[in-house]
């Protein structure tokens, strides 16, 4: 199983917000943003900060996918 943050990137497009703007609003590091961009695991505290900043639920920004699906994206 793997994690996918495609929902987060789609949400940012809908909100007309850049990744950098989201990073600054959520107060997360560039390293954490890079991990998100690579669909790597991050600390739950980072995901909570993003959810608070974007006023959403964790299921709105991420999903768990089959490893085969994650490599095809």
N, C-alpha and C. Protein backbone atom coordinates (compact mmCIF):
# COMPACT_ATOMS: atom_id res chain seq x y z
N UNK A 1 0.84 -1.19 0.00
CA UNK A 1 0.00 0.00 0.00
C UNK A 1 0.89 1.26 0.00
N UNK A 2 0.39 2.28 -0.63
CA UNK A 2 1.11 3.55 -0.73
C UNK A 2 0.14 4.70 -0.51
N UNK A 3 0.69 5.87 -0.32
CA UNK A 3 -0.13 7.05 -0.11
C UNK A 3 -0.06 7.94 -1.35
N UNK A 4 -1.16 8.60 -1.65
CA UNK A 4 -1.22 9.53 -2.77
C UNK A 4 -1.80 10.86 -2.29
N UNK A 5 -1.14 11.94 -2.67
CA UNK A 5 -1.60 13.28 -2.31
C UNK A 5 -2.20 14.01 -3.51
N UNK A 6 -2.63 13.26 -4.52
CA UNK A 6 -3.23 13.88 -5.71
C UNK A 6 -4.44 14.73 -5.35
N UNK A 7 -5.20 14.31 -4.36
CA UNK A 7 -6.37 15.10 -3.93
C UNK A 7 -5.94 16.48 -3.44
N UNK A 8 -4.80 16.54 -2.75
CA UNK A 8 -4.28 17.82 -2.26
C UNK A 8 -3.94 18.74 -3.43
N UNK A 9 -3.24 18.21 -4.42
CA UNK A 9 -2.85 19.05 -5.57
C UNK A 9 -4.07 19.53 -6.35
N UNK A 10 -5.07 18.68 -6.47
CA UNK A 10 -6.31 19.10 -7.15
C UNK A 10 -7.02 20.19 -6.35
N UNK A 11 -7.01 20.06 -5.02
CA UNK A 11 -7.65 21.06 -4.18
C UNK A 11 -6.95 22.41 -4.33
N UNK A 12 -5.63 22.39 -4.39
CA UNK A 12 -4.89 23.64 -4.55
C UNK A 12 -5.23 24.31 -5.88
N UNK A 13 -5.38 23.51 -6.93
CA UNK A 13 -5.77 24.07 -8.23
C UNK A 13 -7.15 24.71 -8.12
N UNK A 14 -8.09 24.02 -7.47
CA UNK A 14 -9.44 24.55 -7.31
C UNK A 14 -9.45 25.84 -6.50
N UNK A 15 -8.55 25.94 -5.52
CA UNK A 15 -8.47 27.14 -4.67
C UNK A 15 -7.56 28.21 -5.27
N UNK A 16 -6.99 27.91 -6.45
CA UNK A 16 -6.05 28.81 -7.11
C UNK A 16 -4.93 29.21 -6.16
N UNK A 17 -4.35 28.19 -5.52
CA UNK A 17 -3.29 28.38 -4.54
C UNK A 17 -2.07 27.58 -4.98
N UNK A 18 -0.91 28.19 -4.89
CA UNK A 18 0.31 27.47 -5.25
C UNK A 18 0.76 26.59 -4.09
N UNK A 19 1.65 25.68 -4.40
CA UNK A 19 2.19 24.81 -3.35
C UNK A 19 2.94 25.64 -2.31
N UNK A 20 3.66 26.66 -2.77
CA UNK A 20 4.39 27.52 -1.84
C UNK A 20 3.44 28.30 -0.94
N UNK A 21 2.36 28.82 -1.51
CA UNK A 21 1.37 29.53 -0.69
C UNK A 21 0.78 28.60 0.37
N UNK A 22 0.46 27.38 -0.02
CA UNK A 22 -0.07 26.41 0.93
C UNK A 22 0.96 26.10 2.00
N UNK A 23 2.21 25.93 1.60
CA UNK A 23 3.28 25.62 2.55
C UNK A 23 3.41 26.72 3.60
N UNK A 24 3.40 27.95 3.16
CA UNK A 24 3.53 29.08 4.08
C UNK A 24 2.31 29.20 4.99
N UNK A 25 1.13 29.04 4.44
CA UNK A 25 -0.10 29.14 5.23
C UNK A 25 -0.17 28.03 6.28
N UNK A 26 0.27 26.83 5.92
CA UNK A 26 0.22 25.70 6.84
C UNK A 26 1.41 25.68 7.80
N UNK A 27 2.46 26.41 7.46
CA UNK A 27 3.64 26.44 8.32
C UNK A 27 4.44 25.15 8.28
N UNK A 28 4.56 24.57 7.08
CA UNK A 28 5.34 23.34 6.94
C UNK A 28 6.64 23.65 6.19
N UNK A 29 7.60 22.78 6.32
CA UNK A 29 8.92 23.01 5.73
C UNK A 29 8.94 22.65 4.24
N UNK A 30 9.97 23.13 3.56
CA UNK A 30 10.16 22.78 2.16
C UNK A 30 10.45 21.29 2.02
N UNK A 31 11.11 20.72 3.01
CA UNK A 31 11.40 19.29 3.00
C UNK A 31 10.10 18.48 3.04
N UNK A 32 9.17 18.90 3.89
CA UNK A 32 7.87 18.21 3.99
C UNK A 32 7.11 18.35 2.68
N UNK A 33 7.15 19.53 2.07
CA UNK A 33 6.48 19.74 0.80
C UNK A 33 7.07 18.85 -0.29
N UNK A 34 8.39 18.70 -0.28
CA UNK A 34 9.06 17.84 -1.25
C UNK A 34 8.62 16.39 -1.07
N UNK A 35 8.49 15.94 0.17
CA UNK A 35 8.04 14.57 0.44
C UNK A 35 6.61 14.37 -0.07
N UNK A 36 5.76 15.36 0.14
CA UNK A 36 4.39 15.29 -0.35
C UNK A 36 4.38 15.19 -1.87
N UNK A 37 5.25 15.96 -2.51
CA UNK A 37 5.34 15.95 -3.97
C UNK A 37 5.76 14.61 -4.54
N UNK A 38 6.47 13.83 -3.71
CA UNK A 38 6.94 12.51 -4.14
C UNK A 38 6.04 11.39 -3.61
N UNK A 39 4.89 11.76 -3.04
CA UNK A 39 3.97 10.79 -2.45
C UNK A 39 4.64 9.93 -1.39
N UNK A 40 5.53 10.55 -0.61
CA UNK A 40 6.21 9.85 0.48
C UNK A 40 5.44 10.09 1.77
N UNK A 41 5.66 9.23 2.73
CA UNK A 41 5.00 9.37 4.03
C UNK A 41 5.53 10.60 4.76
N UNK A 42 4.62 11.31 5.42
CA UNK A 42 4.99 12.45 6.25
C UNK A 42 4.32 12.29 7.62
N UNK A 43 4.81 13.02 8.57
CA UNK A 43 4.27 13.01 9.93
C UNK A 43 2.82 13.47 9.90
N UNK A 44 2.00 12.86 10.72
CA UNK A 44 0.57 13.22 10.78
C UNK A 44 0.38 14.69 11.17
N UNK A 45 1.31 15.24 11.95
CA UNK A 45 1.22 16.66 12.34
C UNK A 45 1.25 17.57 11.11
N UNK A 46 2.02 17.19 10.11
CA UNK A 46 2.10 17.97 8.87
C UNK A 46 0.75 17.94 8.15
N UNK A 47 0.15 16.76 8.09
CA UNK A 47 -1.15 16.64 7.44
C UNK A 47 -2.22 17.42 8.19
N UNK A 48 -2.15 17.42 9.50
CA UNK A 48 -3.11 18.20 10.31
C UNK A 48 -2.94 19.69 10.04
N UNK A 49 -1.71 20.17 9.97
CA UNK A 49 -1.47 21.59 9.69
C UNK A 49 -2.06 21.98 8.33
N UNK A 50 -1.90 21.11 7.35
CA UNK A 50 -2.45 21.38 6.02
C UNK A 50 -3.97 21.42 6.08
N UNK A 51 -4.56 20.46 6.77
CA UNK A 51 -6.03 20.42 6.90
C UNK A 51 -6.57 21.66 7.59
N UNK A 52 -5.90 22.11 8.62
CA UNK A 52 -6.34 23.33 9.33
C UNK A 52 -6.22 24.53 8.40
N UNK A 53 -5.11 24.63 7.70
CA UNK A 53 -4.89 25.77 6.80
C UNK A 53 -5.90 25.79 5.65
N UNK A 54 -6.25 24.61 5.14
CA UNK A 54 -7.17 24.55 4.00
C UNK A 54 -8.62 24.31 4.42
N UNK A 55 -8.84 24.21 5.73
CA UNK A 55 -10.18 23.98 6.28
C UNK A 55 -10.84 22.77 5.63
N UNK A 56 -10.15 21.64 5.75
CA UNK A 56 -10.66 20.41 5.15
C UNK A 56 -10.36 19.22 6.06
N UNK A 57 -10.81 18.06 5.64
CA UNK A 57 -10.58 16.82 6.35
C UNK A 57 -9.40 16.09 5.71
N UNK A 58 -8.76 15.23 6.45
CA UNK A 58 -7.59 14.51 5.93
C UNK A 58 -7.93 13.68 4.69
N UNK A 59 -9.13 13.17 4.62
CA UNK A 59 -9.52 12.38 3.44
C UNK A 59 -9.70 13.26 2.20
N UNK A 60 -9.74 14.57 2.40
CA UNK A 60 -9.83 15.50 1.27
C UNK A 60 -8.48 15.74 0.60
N UNK A 61 -7.38 15.39 1.30
CA UNK A 61 -6.05 15.69 0.76
C UNK A 61 -5.20 14.47 0.47
N UNK A 62 -5.62 13.31 0.94
CA UNK A 62 -4.81 12.12 0.70
C UNK A 62 -5.67 10.87 0.61
N UNK A 63 -5.08 9.83 0.04
CA UNK A 63 -5.74 8.54 0.00
C UNK A 63 -4.68 7.45 -0.02
N UNK A 64 -5.07 6.28 0.43
CA UNK A 64 -4.19 5.13 0.40
C UNK A 64 -4.53 4.35 -0.86
N UNK A 65 -3.51 4.06 -1.64
CA UNK A 65 -3.72 3.39 -2.92
C UNK A 65 -2.88 2.12 -2.99
N UNK A 66 -3.25 1.27 -3.90
CA UNK A 66 -2.49 0.05 -4.17
C UNK A 66 -1.14 0.46 -4.75
N UNK A 67 -0.08 -0.21 -4.38
CA UNK A 67 1.26 0.11 -4.90
C UNK A 67 1.30 0.16 -6.41
N UNK A 68 0.58 -0.71 -7.07
CA UNK A 68 0.57 -0.74 -8.53
C UNK A 68 -0.02 0.55 -9.09
N UNK A 69 -1.08 1.07 -8.44
CA UNK A 69 -1.70 2.32 -8.88
C UNK A 69 -0.76 3.49 -8.66
N UNK A 70 -0.04 3.47 -7.55
CA UNK A 70 0.86 4.59 -7.22
C UNK A 70 1.99 4.71 -8.22
N UNK A 71 2.49 3.59 -8.73
CA UNK A 71 3.60 3.66 -9.67
C UNK A 71 3.14 4.05 -11.07
N UNK A 72 1.86 3.88 -11.37
CA UNK A 72 1.34 4.22 -12.68
C UNK A 72 1.05 5.70 -12.81
N UNK A 73 0.92 6.43 -11.71
CA UNK A 73 0.54 7.85 -11.76
C UNK A 73 1.71 8.71 -12.13
